Amino acid sequence: MPSLYEKLGGDKAVSATVEIFYKKVIADKELSPFFSGINIDRQKRMQSKFLTVAFGGPNNYSGQTMRAAHRRPVELGLNEHHFNLVAGHLKQSLIELQVPPELVHQVMAIAASTKQDVLNQ
């Protein structure tokens, strides 16, 4: 049975999603301050690797844990409102790429499962 990663279209689809997603996130006035001073190209690469693993693709992720990666943003005030904004941008990115609704739902369930770790709760 193919993984979610394969159903979405593999590396090409993950990369396209990440590109659209970060354009939305960086353009969002409520979220952009969390990315101040961050190397956005590196951020995109790490996000692509993380999503690949999260969706059942090859594990080439060697980054920090979710909690460690979000420690600084949480210290800067990242909260559930911001998490929901980010999730909304992810969903909209998938919709723009015409991902079937059932796959969007699966992606959003995975995103929701990370909330406690992202918010360091």
PDB file of N, CA and C in Angstrom:
ATOM      1  N   MET A   1       0.847  -1.180   0.000  1.00  0.00           N
ATOM      2  CA  MET A   1       0.000   0.000   0.000  1.00  0.00           C
ATOM      3  C   MET A   1       0.892   1.243   0.000  1.00  0.00           C
ATOM      4  N   PRO A   2       0.658   2.190  -0.886  1.00  0.00           N
ATOM      5  CA  PRO A   2       1.513   3.368  -0.959  1.00  0.00           C
ATOM      6  C   PRO A   2       1.359   4.265   0.274  1.00  0.00           C
ATOM      7  N   SER A   3       2.460   4.890   0.653  1.00  0.00           N
ATOM      8  CA  SER A   3       2.455   5.816   1.790  1.00  0.00           C
ATOM      9  C   SER A   3       1.771   7.125   1.395  1.00  0.00           C
ATOM     10  N   LEU A   4       1.448   7.930   2.374  1.00  0.00           N
ATOM     11  CA  LEU A   4       0.900   9.254   2.105  1.00  0.00           C
ATOM     12  C   LEU A   4       1.880  10.050   1.255  1.00  0.00           C
ATOM     13  N   TYR A   5       3.158   9.918   1.549  1.00  0.00           N
ATOM     14  CA  TYR A   5       4.209  10.587   0.776  1.00  0.00           C
ATOM     15  C   TYR A   5       4.086  10.237  -0.710  1.00  0.00           C
ATOM     16  N   GLU A   6       3.919   8.958  -1.010  1.00  0.00           N
ATOM     17  CA  GLU A   6       3.778   8.510  -2.404  1.00  0.00           C
ATOM     18  C   GLU A   6       2.459   8.988  -3.013  1.00  0.00           C
ATOM     19  N   LYS A   7       1.383   8.934  -2.233  1.00  0.00           N
ATOM     20  CA  LYS A   7       0.081   9.374  -2.728  1.00  0.00           C
ATOM     21  C   LYS A   7       0.086  10.867  -3.068  1.00  0.00           C
ATOM     22  N   LEU A   8       0.844  11.641  -2.290  1.00  0.00           N
ATOM     23  CA  LEU A   8       0.920  13.084  -2.531  1.00  0.00           C
ATOM     24  C   LEU A   8       1.743  13.422  -3.775  1.00  0.00           C
ATOM     25  N   GLY A   9       2.663  12.531  -4.138  1.00  0.00           N
ATOM     26  CA  GLY A   9       3.492  12.783  -5.312  1.00  0.00           C
ATOM     27  C   GLY A   9       4.976  12.829  -5.007  1.00  0.00           C
ATOM     28  N   GLY A  10       5.364  12.383  -3.805  1.00  0.00           N
ATOM     29  CA  GLY A  10       6.777  12.274  -3.463  1.00  0.00           C
ATOM     30  C   GLY A  10       7.478  13.608  -3.247  1.00  0.00           C
ATOM     31  N   ASP A  11       8.765  13.592  -3.501  1.00  0.00           N
ATOM     32  CA  ASP A  11       9.631  14.744  -3.226  1.00  0.00           C
ATOM     33  C   ASP A  11       9.174  16.012  -3.943  1.00  0.00           C
ATOM     34  N   LYS A  12       8.777  15.863  -5.183  1.00  0.00           N
ATOM     35  CA  LYS A  12       8.342  17.019  -5.973  1.00  0.00           C
ATOM     36  C   LYS A  12       7.138  17.701  -5.321  1.00  0.00           C
ATOM     37  N   ALA A  13       6.189  16.914  -4.860  1.00  0.00           N
ATOM     38  CA  ALA A  13       4.984  17.460  -4.229  1.00  0.00           C
ATOM     39  C   ALA A  13       5.302  18.100  -2.884  1.00  0.00           C
ATOM     40  N   VAL A  14       6.150  17.452  -2.103  1.00  0.00           N
ATOM     41  CA  VAL A  14       6.529  18.018  -0.803  1.00  0.00           C
ATOM     42  C   VAL A  14       7.257  19.347  -1.014  1.00  0.00           C
ATOM     43  N   SER A  15       8.185  19.384  -1.954  1.00  0.00           N
ATOM     44  CA  SER A  15       8.923  20.624  -2.235  1.00  0.00           C
ATOM     45  C   SER A  15       7.994  21.747  -2.687  1.00  0.00           C
ATOM     46  N   ALA A  16       7.048  21.431  -3.547  1.00  0.00           N
ATOM     47  CA  ALA A  16       6.094  22.436  -4.030  1.00  0.00           C
ATOM     48  C   ALA A  16       5.239  22.952  -2.884  1.00  0.00           C
ATOM     49  N   THR A  17       4.810  22.053  -2.021  1.00  0.00           N
ATOM     50  CA  THR A  17       4.002  22.445  -0.868  1.00  0.00           C
ATOM     51  C   THR A  17       4.787  23.372   0.044  1.00  0.00           C
ATOM     52  N   VAL A  18       6.022  23.014   0.323  1.00  0.00           N
ATOM     53  CA  VAL A  18       6.863  23.821   1.219  1.00  0.00           C
ATOM     54  C   VAL A  18       7.102  25.215   0.639  1.00  0.00           C
ATOM     55  N   GLU A  19       7.323  25.311  -0.663  1.00  0.00           N
ATOM     56  CA  GLU A  19       7.534  26.625  -1.297  1.00  0.00           C
ATOM     57  C   GLU A  19       6.311  27.526  -1.134  1.00  0.00           C
ATOM     58  N   ILE A  20       5.155  27.005  -1.457  1.00  0.00           N
ATOM     59  CA  ILE A  20       3.919  27.790  -1.342  1.00  0.00           C
ATOM     60  C   ILE A  20       3.646  28.116   0.122  1.00  0.00           C
ATOM     61  N   PHE A  21       3.811  27.141   0.979  1.00  0.00           N
ATOM     62  CA  PHE A  21       3.566  27.296   2.413  1.00  0.00           C
ATOM     63  C   PHE A  21       4.399  28.431   3.001  1.00  0.00           C
ATOM     64  N   TYR A  22       5.697  28.444   2.724  1.00  0.00           N
ATOM     65  CA  TYR A  22       6.551  29.483   3.323  1.00  0.00           C
ATOM     66  C   TYR A  22       6.280  30.865   2.739  1.00  0.00           C
ATOM     67  N   LYS A  23       5.854  30.946   1.505  1.00  0.00           N
ATOM     68  CA  LYS A  23       5.445  32.246   0.970  1.00  0.00           C
ATOM     69  C   LYS A  23       4.280  32.797   1.788  1.00  0.00           C
ATOM     70  N   LYS A  24       3.345  31.939   2.120  1.00  0.00           N
ATOM     71  CA  LYS A  24       2.183  32.338   2.906  1.00  0.00           C
ATOM     72  C   LYS A  24       2.586  32.708   4.332  1.00  0.00           C
ATOM     73  N   VAL A  25       3.406  31.877   4.941  1.00  0.00           N
ATOM     74  CA  VAL A  25       3.805  32.099   6.332  1.00  0.00           C
ATOM     75  C   VAL A  25       4.605  33.396   6.467  1.00  0.00           C
ATOM     76  N   ILE A  26       5.562  33.606   5.599  1.00  0.00           N
ATOM     77  CA  ILE A  26       6.406  34.801   5.674  1.00  0.00           C
ATOM     78  C   ILE A  26       5.584  36.060   5.377  1.00  0.00           C
ATOM     79  N   ALA A  27       4.574  35.948   4.537  1.00  0.00           N
ATOM     80  CA  ALA A  27       3.713  37.097   4.220  1.00  0.00           C
ATOM     81  C   ALA A  27       2.716  37.403   5.337  1.00  0.00           C
ATOM     82  N   ASP A  28       2.545  36.474   6.264  1.00  0.00           N
ATOM     83  CA  ASP A  28       1.596  36.645   7.358  1.00  0.00           C
ATOM     84  C   ASP A  28       2.239  37.505   8.450  1.00  0.00           C
ATOM     85  N   LYS A  29       1.672  38.674   8.684  1.00  0.00           N
ATOM     86  CA  LYS A  29       2.255  39.627   9.638  1.00  0.00           C
ATOM     87  C   LYS A  29       2.296  39.089  11.063  1.00  0.00           C
ATOM     88  N   GLU A  30       1.415  38.155  11.379  1.00  0.00           N
ATOM     89  CA  GLU A  30       1.420  37.572  12.720  1.00  0.00           C
ATOM     90  C   GLU A  30       2.486  36.481  12.874  1.00  0.00           C
ATOM     91  N   LEU A  31       2.907  35.889  11.762  1.00  0.00           N
ATOM     92  CA  LEU A  31       3.876  34.790  11.823  1.00  0.00           C
ATOM     93  C   LEU A  31       5.290  35.193  11.443  1.00  0.00           C
ATOM     94  N   SER A  32       5.421  36.171  10.568  1.00  0.00           N
ATOM     95  CA  SER A  32       6.751  36.529  10.061  1.00  0.00           C
ATOM     96  C   SER A  32       7.760  36.885  11.156  1.00  0.00           C
ATOM     97  N   PRO A  33       7.355  37.508  12.273  1.00  0.00           N
ATOM     98  CA  PRO A  33       8.367  37.808  13.306  1.00  0.00           C
ATOM     99  C   PRO A  33       9.077  36.571  13.861  1.00  0.00           C
ATOM    100  N   PHE A  34       8.416  35.428  13.819  1.00  0.00           N
ATOM    101  CA  PHE A  34       9.034  34.194  14.329  1.00  0.00           C
ATOM    102  C   PHE A  34      10.167  33.712  13.421  1.00  0.00           C
ATOM    103  N   PHE A  35      10.235  34.255  12.212  1.00  0.00           N
ATOM    104  CA  PHE A  35      11.247  33.829  11.245  1.00  0.00           C
ATOM    105  C   PHE A  35      12.342  34.870  11.045  1.00  0.00           C
ATOM    106  N   SER A  36      12.299  35.906  11.847  1.00  0.00           N
ATOM    107  CA  SER A  36      13.320  36.942  11.774  1.00  0.00           C
ATOM    108  C   SER A  36      14.687  36.343  12.127  1.00  0.00           C
ATOM    109  N   GLY A  37      15.657  36.559  11.255  1.00  0.00           N
ATOM    110  CA  GLY A  37      17.005  36.047  11.493  1.00  0.00           C
ATOM    111  C   GLY A  37      17.184  34.580  11.137  1.00  0.00           C
ATOM    112  N   ILE A  38      16.156  33.951  10.620  1.00  0.00           N
ATOM    113  CA  ILE A  38      16.223  32.532  10.244  1.00  0.00           C
ATOM    114  C   ILE A  38      16.629  32.420   8.775  1.00  0.00           C
ATOM    115  N   ASN A  39      17.520  31.498   8.483  1.00  0.00           N
ATOM    116  CA  ASN A  39      17.896  31.212   7.098  1.00  0.00           C
ATOM    117  C   ASN A  39      16.727  30.445   6.475  1.00  0.00           C
ATOM    118  N   ILE A  40      15.914  31.132   5.704  1.00  0.00           N
ATOM    119  CA  ILE A  40      14.681  30.544   5.192  1.00  0.00           C
ATOM    120  C   ILE A  40      14.942  29.401   4.218  1.00  0.00           C
ATOM    121  N   ASP A  41      16.028  29.461   3.452  1.00  0.00           N
ATOM    122  CA  ASP A  41      16.345  28.343   2.555  1.00  0.00           C
ATOM    123  C   ASP A  41      16.656  27.078   3.348  1.00  0.00           C
ATOM    124  N   ARG A  42      17.399  27.230   4.426  1.00  0.00           N
ATOM    125  CA  ARG A  42      17.690  26.084   5.297  1.00  0.00           C
ATOM    126  C   ARG A  42      16.397  25.593   5.943  1.00  0.00           C
ATOM    127  N   GLN A  43      15.567  26.521   6.375  1.00  0.00           N
ATOM    128  CA  GLN A  43      14.287  26.179   6.988  1.00  0.00           C
ATOM    129  C   GLN A  43      13.431  25.352   6.037  1.00  0.00           C
ATOM    130  N   LYS A  44      13.384  25.756   4.784  1.00  0.00           N
ATOM    131  CA  LYS A  44      12.609  25.023   3.780  1.00  0.00           C
ATOM    132  C   LYS A  44      13.171  23.608   3.582  1.00  0.00           C
ATOM    133  N   ARG A  45      14.493  23.501   3.524  1.00  0.00           N
ATOM    134  CA  ARG A  45      15.110  22.174   3.353  1.00  0.00           C
ATOM    135  C   ARG A  45      14.762  21.260   4.528  1.00  0.00           C
ATOM    136  N   MET A  46      14.874  21.801   5.746  1.00  0.00           N
ATOM    137  CA  MET A  46      14.586  20.994   6.933  1.00  0.00           C
ATOM    138  C   MET A  46      13.105  20.627   6.986  1.00  0.00           C
ATOM    139  N   GLN A  47      12.242  21.566   6.628  1.00  0.00           N
ATOM    140  CA  GLN A  47      10.799  21.296   6.623  1.00  0.00           C
ATOM    141  C   GLN A  47      10.458  20.211   5.607  1.00  0.00           C
ATOM    142  N   SER A  48      11.072  20.290   4.431  1.00  0.00           N
ATOM    143  CA  SER A  48      10.836  19.263   3.407  1.00  0.00           C
ATOM    144  C   SER A  48      11.251  17.885   3.910  1.00  0.00           C
ATOM    145  N   LYS A  49      12.402  17.816   4.558  1.00  0.00           N
ATOM    146  CA  LYS A  49      12.871  16.526   5.092  1.00  0.00           C
ATOM    147  C   LYS A  49      11.937  16.018   6.181  1.00  0.00           C
ATOM    148  N   PHE A  50      11.514  16.944   7.051  1.00  0.00           N
ATOM    149  CA  PHE A  50      10.614  16.542   8.131  1.00  0.00           C
ATOM    150  C   PHE A  50       9.285  16.028   7.576  1.00  0.00           C
ATOM    151  N   LEU A  51       8.690  16.769   6.643  1.00  0.00           N
ATOM    152  CA  LEU A  51       7.407  16.350   6.075  1.00  0.00           C
ATOM    153  C   LEU A  51       7.527  15.025   5.330  1.00  0.00           C
ATOM    154  N   THR A  52       8.636  14.829   4.660  1.00  0.00           N
ATOM    155  CA  THR A  52       8.865  13.568   3.960  1.00  0.00           C
ATOM    156  C   THR A  52       8.758  12.400   4.935  1.00  0.00           C
ATOM    157  N   VAL A  53       9.425  12.518   6.068  1.00  0.00           N
ATOM    158  CA  VAL A  53       9.378  11.458   7.078  1.00  0.00           C
ATOM    159  C   VAL A  53       7.974  11.343   7.666  1.00  0.00           C
ATOM    160  N   ALA A  54       7.372  12.485   8.008  1.00  0.00           N
ATOM    161  CA  ALA A  54       6.043  12.486   8.617  1.00  0.00           C
ATOM    162  C   ALA A  54       4.994  11.841   7.718  1.00  0.00           C
ATOM    163  N   PHE A  55       5.207  11.948   6.410  1.00  0.00           N
ATOM    164  CA  PHE A  55       4.255  11.385   5.443  1.00  0.00           C
ATOM    165  C   PHE A  55       4.614   9.966   5.020  1.00  0.00           C
ATOM    166  N   GLY A  56       5.637   9.384   5.647  1.00  0.00           N
ATOM    167  CA  GLY A  56       5.988   7.996   5.361  1.00  0.00           C
ATOM    168  C   GLY A  56       7.004   7.803   4.262  1.00  0.00           C
ATOM    169  N   GLY A  57       7.724   8.875   3.909  1.00  0.00           N
ATOM    170  CA  GLY A  57       8.766   8.782   2.887  1.00  0.00           C
ATOM    171  C   GLY A  57      10.111   8.426   3.493  1.00  0.00           C
ATOM    172  N   PRO A  58      11.174   8.507   2.687  1.00  0.00           N
ATOM    173  CA  PRO A  58      12.515   8.170   3.171  1.00  0.00           C
ATOM    174  C   PRO A  58      12.940   9.074   4.324  1.00  0.00           C
ATOM    175  N   ASN A  59      13.585   8.475   5.311  1.00  0.00           N
ATOM    176  CA  ASN A  59      14.006   9.237   6.490  1.00  0.00           C
ATOM    177  C   ASN A  59      15.408   9.794   6.298  1.00  0.00           C
ATOM    178  N   ASN A  60      15.469  11.050   5.857  1.00  0.00           N
ATOM    179  CA  ASN A  60      16.739  11.757   5.735  1.00  0.00           C
ATOM    180  C   ASN A  60      16.778  12.951   6.678  1.00  0.00           C
ATOM    181  N   TYR A  61      15.880  12.951   7.670  1.00  0.00           N
ATOM    182  CA  TYR A  61      15.787  14.064   8.614  1.00  0.00           C
ATOM    183  C   TYR A  61      16.770  13.841   9.746  1.00  0.00           C
ATOM    184  N   SER A  62      17.623  14.832   9.960  1.00  0.00           N
ATOM    185  CA  SER A  62      18.580  14.744  11.064  1.00  0.00           C
ATOM    186  C   SER A  62      18.521  16.007  11.913  1.00  0.00           C
ATOM    187  N   GLY A  63      17.408  16.698  11.831  1.00  0.00           N
ATOM    188  CA  GLY A  63      17.250  17.951  12.576  1.00  0.00           C
ATOM    189  C   GLY A  63      16.872  17.709  14.024  1.00  0.00           C
ATOM    190  N   GLN A  64      16.546  18.804  14.684  1.00  0.00           N
ATOM    191  CA  GLN A  64      16.170  18.771  16.090  1.00  0.00           C
ATOM    192  C   GLN A  64      14.799  18.120  16.271  1.00  0.00           C
ATOM    193  N   THR A  65      14.507  17.784  17.513  1.00  0.00           N
ATOM    194  CA  THR A  65      13.164  17.313  17.824  1.00  0.00           C
ATOM    195  C   THR A  65      12.201  18.478  17.625  1.00  0.00           C
ATOM    196  N   MET A  66      10.936  18.175  17.535  1.00  0.00           N
ATOM    197  CA  MET A  66       9.919  19.203  17.349  1.00  0.00           C
ATOM    198  C   MET A  66       9.963  20.217  18.491  1.00  0.00           C
ATOM    199  N   ARG A  67      10.079  19.740  19.714  1.00  0.00           N
ATOM    200  CA  ARG A  67      10.132  20.639  20.871  1.00  0.00           C
ATOM    201  C   ARG A  67      11.370  21.545  20.818  1.00  0.00           C
ATOM    202  N   ALA A  68      12.504  20.969  20.530  1.00  0.00           N
ATOM    203  CA  ALA A  68      13.738  21.761  20.487  1.00  0.00           C
ATOM    204  C   ALA A  68      13.692  22.788  19.358  1.00  0.00           C
ATOM    205  N   ALA A  69      13.170  22.383  18.211  1.00  0.00           N
ATOM    206  CA  ALA A  69      13.113  23.279  17.055  1.00  0.00           C
ATOM    207  C   ALA A  69      12.184  24.469  17.294  1.00  0.00           C
ATOM    208  N   HIS A  70      11.217  24.317  18.189  1.00  0.00           N
ATOM    209  CA  HIS A  70      10.235  25.379  18.426  1.00  0.00           C
ATOM    210  C   HIS A  70      10.419  26.084  19.772  1.00  0.00           C
ATOM    211  N   ARG A  71      11.493  25.774  20.458  1.00  0.00           N
ATOM    212  CA  ARG A  71      11.747  26.406  21.761  1.00  0.00           C
ATOM    213  C   ARG A  71      11.830  27.925  21.626  1.00  0.00           C
ATOM    214  N   ARG A  72      12.612  28.415  20.670  1.00  0.00           N
ATOM    215  CA  ARG A  72      12.771  29.861  20.477  1.00  0.00           C
ATOM    216  C   ARG A  72      11.444  30.539  20.125  1.00  0.00           C
ATOM    217  N   PRO A  73      10.698  30.023  19.143  1.00  0.00           N
ATOM    218  CA  PRO A  73       9.415  30.659  18.848  1.00  0.00           C
ATOM    219  C   PRO A  73       8.466  30.689  20.053  1.00  0.00           C
ATOM    220  N   VAL A  74       8.459  29.617  20.836  1.00  0.00           N
ATOM    221  CA  VAL A  74       7.596  29.593  22.020  1.00  0.00           C
ATOM    222  C   VAL A  74       8.039  30.679  22.995  1.00  0.00           C
ATOM    223  N   GLU A  75       9.344  30.834  23.163  1.00  0.00           N
ATOM    224  CA  GLU A  75       9.857  31.895  24.034  1.00  0.00           C
ATOM    225  C   GLU A  75       9.469  33.276  23.513  1.00  0.00           C
ATOM    226  N   LEU A  76       9.289  33.396  22.196  1.00  0.00           N
ATOM    227  CA  LEU A  76       8.885  34.665  21.586  1.00  0.00           C
ATOM    228  C   LEU A  76       7.362  34.859  21.592  1.00  0.00           C
ATOM    229  N   GLY A  77       6.637  33.871  22.108  1.00  0.00           N
ATOM    230  CA  GLY A  77       5.191  34.013  22.232  1.00  0.00           C
ATOM    231  C   GLY A  77       4.353  33.124  21.342  1.00  0.00           C
ATOM    232  N   LEU A  78       4.962  32.183  20.626  1.00  0.00           N
ATOM    233  CA  LEU A  78       4.192  31.263  19.785  1.00  0.00           C
ATOM    234  C   LEU A  78       3.141  30.568  20.637  1.00  0.00           C
ATOM    235  N   ASN A  79       1.890  30.572  20.148  1.00  0.00           N
ATOM    236  CA  ASN A  79       0.813  29.953  20.912  1.00  0.00           C
ATOM    237  C   ASN A  79      -0.150  29.231  19.968  1.00  0.00           C
ATOM    238  N   GLU A  80      -1.254  28.766  20.514  1.00  0.00           N
ATOM    239  CA  GLU A  80      -2.204  27.987  19.722  1.00  0.00           C
ATOM    240  C   GLU A  80      -2.770  28.786  18.546  1.00  0.00           C
ATOM    241  N   HIS A  81      -2.990  30.063  18.737  1.00  0.00           N
ATOM    242  CA  HIS A  81      -3.468  30.915  17.643  1.00  0.00           C
ATOM    243  C   HIS A  81      -2.491  30.859  16.464  1.00  0.00           C
ATOM    244  N   HIS A  82      -1.212  30.996  16.754  1.00  0.00           N
ATOM    245  CA  HIS A  82      -0.193  30.948  15.699  1.00  0.00           C
ATOM    246  C   HIS A  82      -0.137  29.563  15.059  1.00  0.00           C
ATOM    247  N   PHE A  83      -0.233  28.532  15.884  1.00  0.00           N
ATOM    248  CA  PHE A  83      -0.236  27.164  15.363  1.00  0.00           C
ATOM    249  C   PHE A  83      -1.369  26.999  14.360  1.00  0.00           C
ATOM    250  N   ASN A  84      -2.545  27.500  14.711  1.00  0.00           N
ATOM    251  CA  ASN A  84      -3.697  27.388  13.828  1.00  0.00           C
ATOM    252  C   ASN A  84      -3.516  28.180  12.544  1.00  0.00           C
ATOM    253  N   LEU A  85      -2.863  29.332  12.615  1.00  0.00           N
ATOM    254  CA  LEU A  85      -2.561  30.100  11.405  1.00  0.00           C
ATOM    255  C   LEU A  85      -1.649  29.290  10.482  1.00  0.00           C
ATOM    256  N   VAL A  86      -0.615  28.710  11.060  1.00  0.00           N
ATOM    257  CA  VAL A  86       0.332  27.902  10.283  1.00  0.00           C
ATOM    258  C   VAL A  86      -0.395  26.719   9.644  1.00  0.00           C
ATOM    259  N   ALA A  87      -1.228  26.042  10.427  1.00  0.00           N
ATOM    260  CA  ALA A  87      -1.981  24.905   9.893  1.00  0.00           C
ATOM    261  C   ALA A  87      -2.881  25.354   8.743  1.00  0.00           C
ATOM    262  N   GLY A  88      -3.489  26.504   8.874  1.00  0.00           N
ATOM    263  CA  GLY A  88      -4.331  27.023   7.809  1.00  0.00           C
ATOM    264  C   GLY A  88      -3.552  27.292   6.535  1.00  0.00           C
ATOM    265  N   HIS A  89      -2.341  27.811   6.689  1.00  0.00           N
ATOM    266  CA  HIS A  89      -1.490  28.062   5.510  1.00  0.00           C
ATOM    267  C   HIS A  89      -1.075  26.748   4.853  1.00  0.00           C
ATOM    268  N   LEU A  90      -0.817  25.739   5.666  1.00  0.00           N
ATOM    269  CA  LEU A  90      -0.477  24.421   5.112  1.00  0.00           C
ATOM    270  C   LEU A  90      -1.665  23.873   4.319  1.00  0.00           C
ATOM    271  N   LYS A  91      -2.847  23.946   4.899  1.00  0.00           N
ATOM    272  CA  LYS A  91      -4.042  23.442   4.229  1.00  0.00           C
ATOM    273  C   LYS A  91      -4.276  24.184   2.917  1.00  0.00           C
ATOM    274  N   GLN A  92      -4.174  25.500   2.941  1.00  0.00           N
ATOM    275  CA  GLN A  92      -4.384  26.295   1.729  1.00  0.00           C
ATOM    276  C   GLN A  92      -3.339  25.964   0.660  1.00  0.00           C
ATOM    277  N   SER A  93      -2.121  25.709   1.079  1.00  0.00           N
ATOM    278  CA  SER A  93      -1.061  25.341   0.133  1.00  0.00           C
ATOM    279  C   SER A  93      -1.406  24.042  -0.571  1.00  0.00           C
ATOM    280  N   LEU A  94      -1.893  23.073   0.179  1.00  0.00           N
ATOM    281  CA  LEU A  94      -2.284  21.785  -0.397  1.00  0.00           C
ATOM    282  C   LEU A  94      -3.469  21.941  -1.342  1.00  0.00           C
ATOM    283  N   ILE A  95      -4.426  22.765  -0.953  1.00  0.00           N
ATOM    284  CA  ILE A  95      -5.591  23.003  -1.798  1.00  0.00           C
ATOM    285  C   ILE A  95      -5.171  23.674  -3.103  1.00  0.00           C
ATOM    286  N   GLU A  96      -4.262  24.641  -3.021  1.00  0.00           N
ATOM    287  CA  GLU A  96      -3.760  25.306  -4.238  1.00  0.00           C
ATOM    288  C   GLU A  96      -3.095  24.324  -5.184  1.00  0.00           C
ATOM    289  N   LEU A  97      -2.466  23.308  -4.611  1.00  0.00           N
ATOM    290  CA  LEU A  97      -1.811  22.287  -5.427  1.00  0.00           C
ATOM    291  C   LEU A  97      -2.780  21.196  -5.878  1.00  0.00           C
ATOM    292  N   GLN A  98      -4.050  21.398  -5.586  1.00  0.00           N
ATOM    293  CA  GLN A  98      -5.116  20.483  -5.982  1.00  0.00           C
ATOM    294  C   GLN A  98      -4.946  19.069  -5.420  1.00  0.00           C
ATOM    295  N   VAL A  99      -4.467  19.014  -4.185  1.00  0.00           N
ATOM    296  CA  VAL A  99      -4.363  17.734  -3.490  1.00  0.00           C
ATOM    297  C   VAL A  99      -5.784  17.278  -3.157  1.00  0.00           C
ATOM    298  N   PRO A 100      -6.093  16.020  -3.404  1.00  0.00           N
ATOM    299  CA  PRO A 100      -7.437  15.515  -3.102  1.00  0.00           C
ATOM    300  C   PRO A 100      -7.799  15.727  -1.625  1.00  0.00           C
ATOM    301  N   PRO A 101      -9.067  16.066  -1.362  1.00  0.00           N
ATOM    302  CA  PRO A 101      -9.503  16.360   0.008  1.00  0.00           C
ATOM    303  C   PRO A 101      -9.156  15.282   1.035  1.00  0.00           C
ATOM    304  N   GLU A 102      -9.253  14.015   0.660  1.00  0.00           N
ATOM    305  CA  GLU A 102      -8.953  12.957   1.633  1.00  0.00           C
ATOM    306  C   GLU A 102      -7.472  12.961   2.025  1.00  0.00           C
ATOM    307  N   LEU A 103      -6.587  13.349   1.102  1.00  0.00           N
ATOM    308  CA  LEU A 103      -5.168  13.448   1.431  1.00  0.00           C
ATOM    309  C   LEU A 103      -4.889  14.708   2.252  1.00  0.00           C
ATOM    310  N   VAL A 104      -5.594  15.799   1.933  1.00  0.00           N
ATOM    311  CA  VAL A 104      -5.468  17.024   2.743  1.00  0.00           C
ATOM    312  C   VAL A 104      -5.851  16.706   4.180  1.00  0.00           C
ATOM    313  N   HIS A 105      -6.929  15.958   4.341  1.00  0.00           N
ATOM    314  CA  HIS A 105      -7.386  15.575   5.682  1.00  0.00           C
ATOM    315  C   HIS A 105      -6.303  14.778   6.420  1.00  0.00           C
ATOM    316  N   GLN A 106      -5.663  13.844   5.736  1.00  0.00           N
ATOM    317  CA  GLN A 106      -4.601  13.047   6.361  1.00  0.00           C
ATOM    318  C   GLN A 106      -3.419  13.923   6.777  1.00  0.00           C
ATOM    319  N   VAL A 107      -3.035  14.858   5.898  1.00  0.00           N
ATOM    320  CA  VAL A 107      -1.929  15.769   6.214  1.00  0.00           C
ATOM    321  C   VAL A 107      -2.287  16.612   7.434  1.00  0.00           C
ATOM    322  N   MET A 108      -3.501  17.120   7.469  1.00  0.00           N
ATOM    323  CA  MET A 108      -3.902  17.987   8.568  1.00  0.00           C
ATOM    324  C   MET A 108      -3.988  17.211   9.879  1.00  0.00           C
ATOM    325  N   ALA A 109      -4.333  15.944   9.823  1.00  0.00           N
ATOM    326  CA  ALA A 109      -4.342  15.112  11.031  1.00  0.00           C
ATOM    327  C   ALA A 109      -2.920  14.945  11.564  1.00  0.00           C
ATOM    328  N   ILE A 110      -1.969  14.770  10.661  1.00  0.00           N
ATOM    329  CA  ILE A 110      -0.568  14.666  11.082  1.00  0.00           C
ATOM    330  C   ILE A 110      -0.118  15.989  11.687  1.00  0.00           C
ATOM    331  N   ALA A 111      -0.468  17.099  11.032  1.00  0.00           N
ATOM    332  CA  ALA A 111      -0.095  18.422  11.561  1.00  0.00           C
ATOM    333  C   ALA A 111      -0.691  18.620  12.957  1.00  0.00           C
ATOM    334  N   ALA A 112      -1.950  18.278  13.131  1.00  0.00           N
ATOM    335  CA  ALA A 112      -2.610  18.441  14.430  1.00  0.00           C
ATOM    336  C   ALA A 112      -1.925  17.612  15.515  1.00  0.00           C
ATOM    337  N   SER A 113      -1.399  16.452  15.131  1.00  0.00           N
ATOM    338  CA  SER A 113      -0.743  15.579  16.114  1.00  0.00           C
ATOM    339  C   SER A 113       0.564  16.162  16.647  1.00  0.00           C
ATOM    340  N   THR A 114       1.074  17.205  16.004  1.00  0.00           N
ATOM    341  CA  THR A 114       2.338  17.808  16.448  1.00  0.00           C
ATOM    342  C   THR A 114       2.126  18.996  17.384  1.00  0.00           C
ATOM    343  N   LYS A 115       0.885  19.402  17.595  1.00  0.00           N
ATOM    344  CA  LYS A 115       0.600  20.655  18.311  1.00  0.00           C
ATOM    345  C   LYS A 115       1.246  20.732  19.689  1.00  0.00           C
ATOM    346  N   GLN A 116       1.111  19.724  20.500  1.00  0.00           N
ATOM    347  CA  GLN A 116       1.689  19.784  21.848  1.00  0.00           C
ATOM    348  C   GLN A 116       3.206  19.928  21.815  1.00  0.00           C
ATOM    349  N   ASP A 117       3.852  19.214  20.909  1.00  0.00           N
ATOM    350  CA  ASP A 117       5.308  19.311  20.814  1.00  0.00           C
ATOM    351  C   ASP A 117       5.735  20.675  20.271  1.00  0.00           C
ATOM    352  N   VAL A 118       5.031  21.171  19.256  1.00  0.00           N
ATOM    353  CA  VAL A 118       5.369  22.481  18.695  1.00  0.00           C
ATOM    354  C   VAL A 118       5.239  23.566  19.756  1.00  0.00           C
ATOM    355  N   LEU A 119       4.192  23.481  20.552  1.00  0.00           N
ATOM    356  CA  LEU A 119       3.938  24.500  21.569  1.00  0.00           C
ATOM    357  C   LEU A 119       4.642  24.210  22.889  1.00  0.00           C
ATOM    358  N   ASN A 120       5.445  23.139  22.906  1.00  0.00           N
ATOM    359  CA  ASN A 120       6.218  22.749  24.090  1.00  0.00           C
ATOM    360  C   ASN A 120       5.310  22.569  25.312  1.00  0.00           C
ATOM    361  N   GLN A 121       4.184  21.907  25.120  1.00  0.00           N
ATOM    362  CA  GLN A 121       3.230  21.686  26.226  1.00  0.00           C
ATOM    363  C   GLN A 121       3.368  20.299  26.787  1.00  0.00           C
TER     364      GLN A 121
END
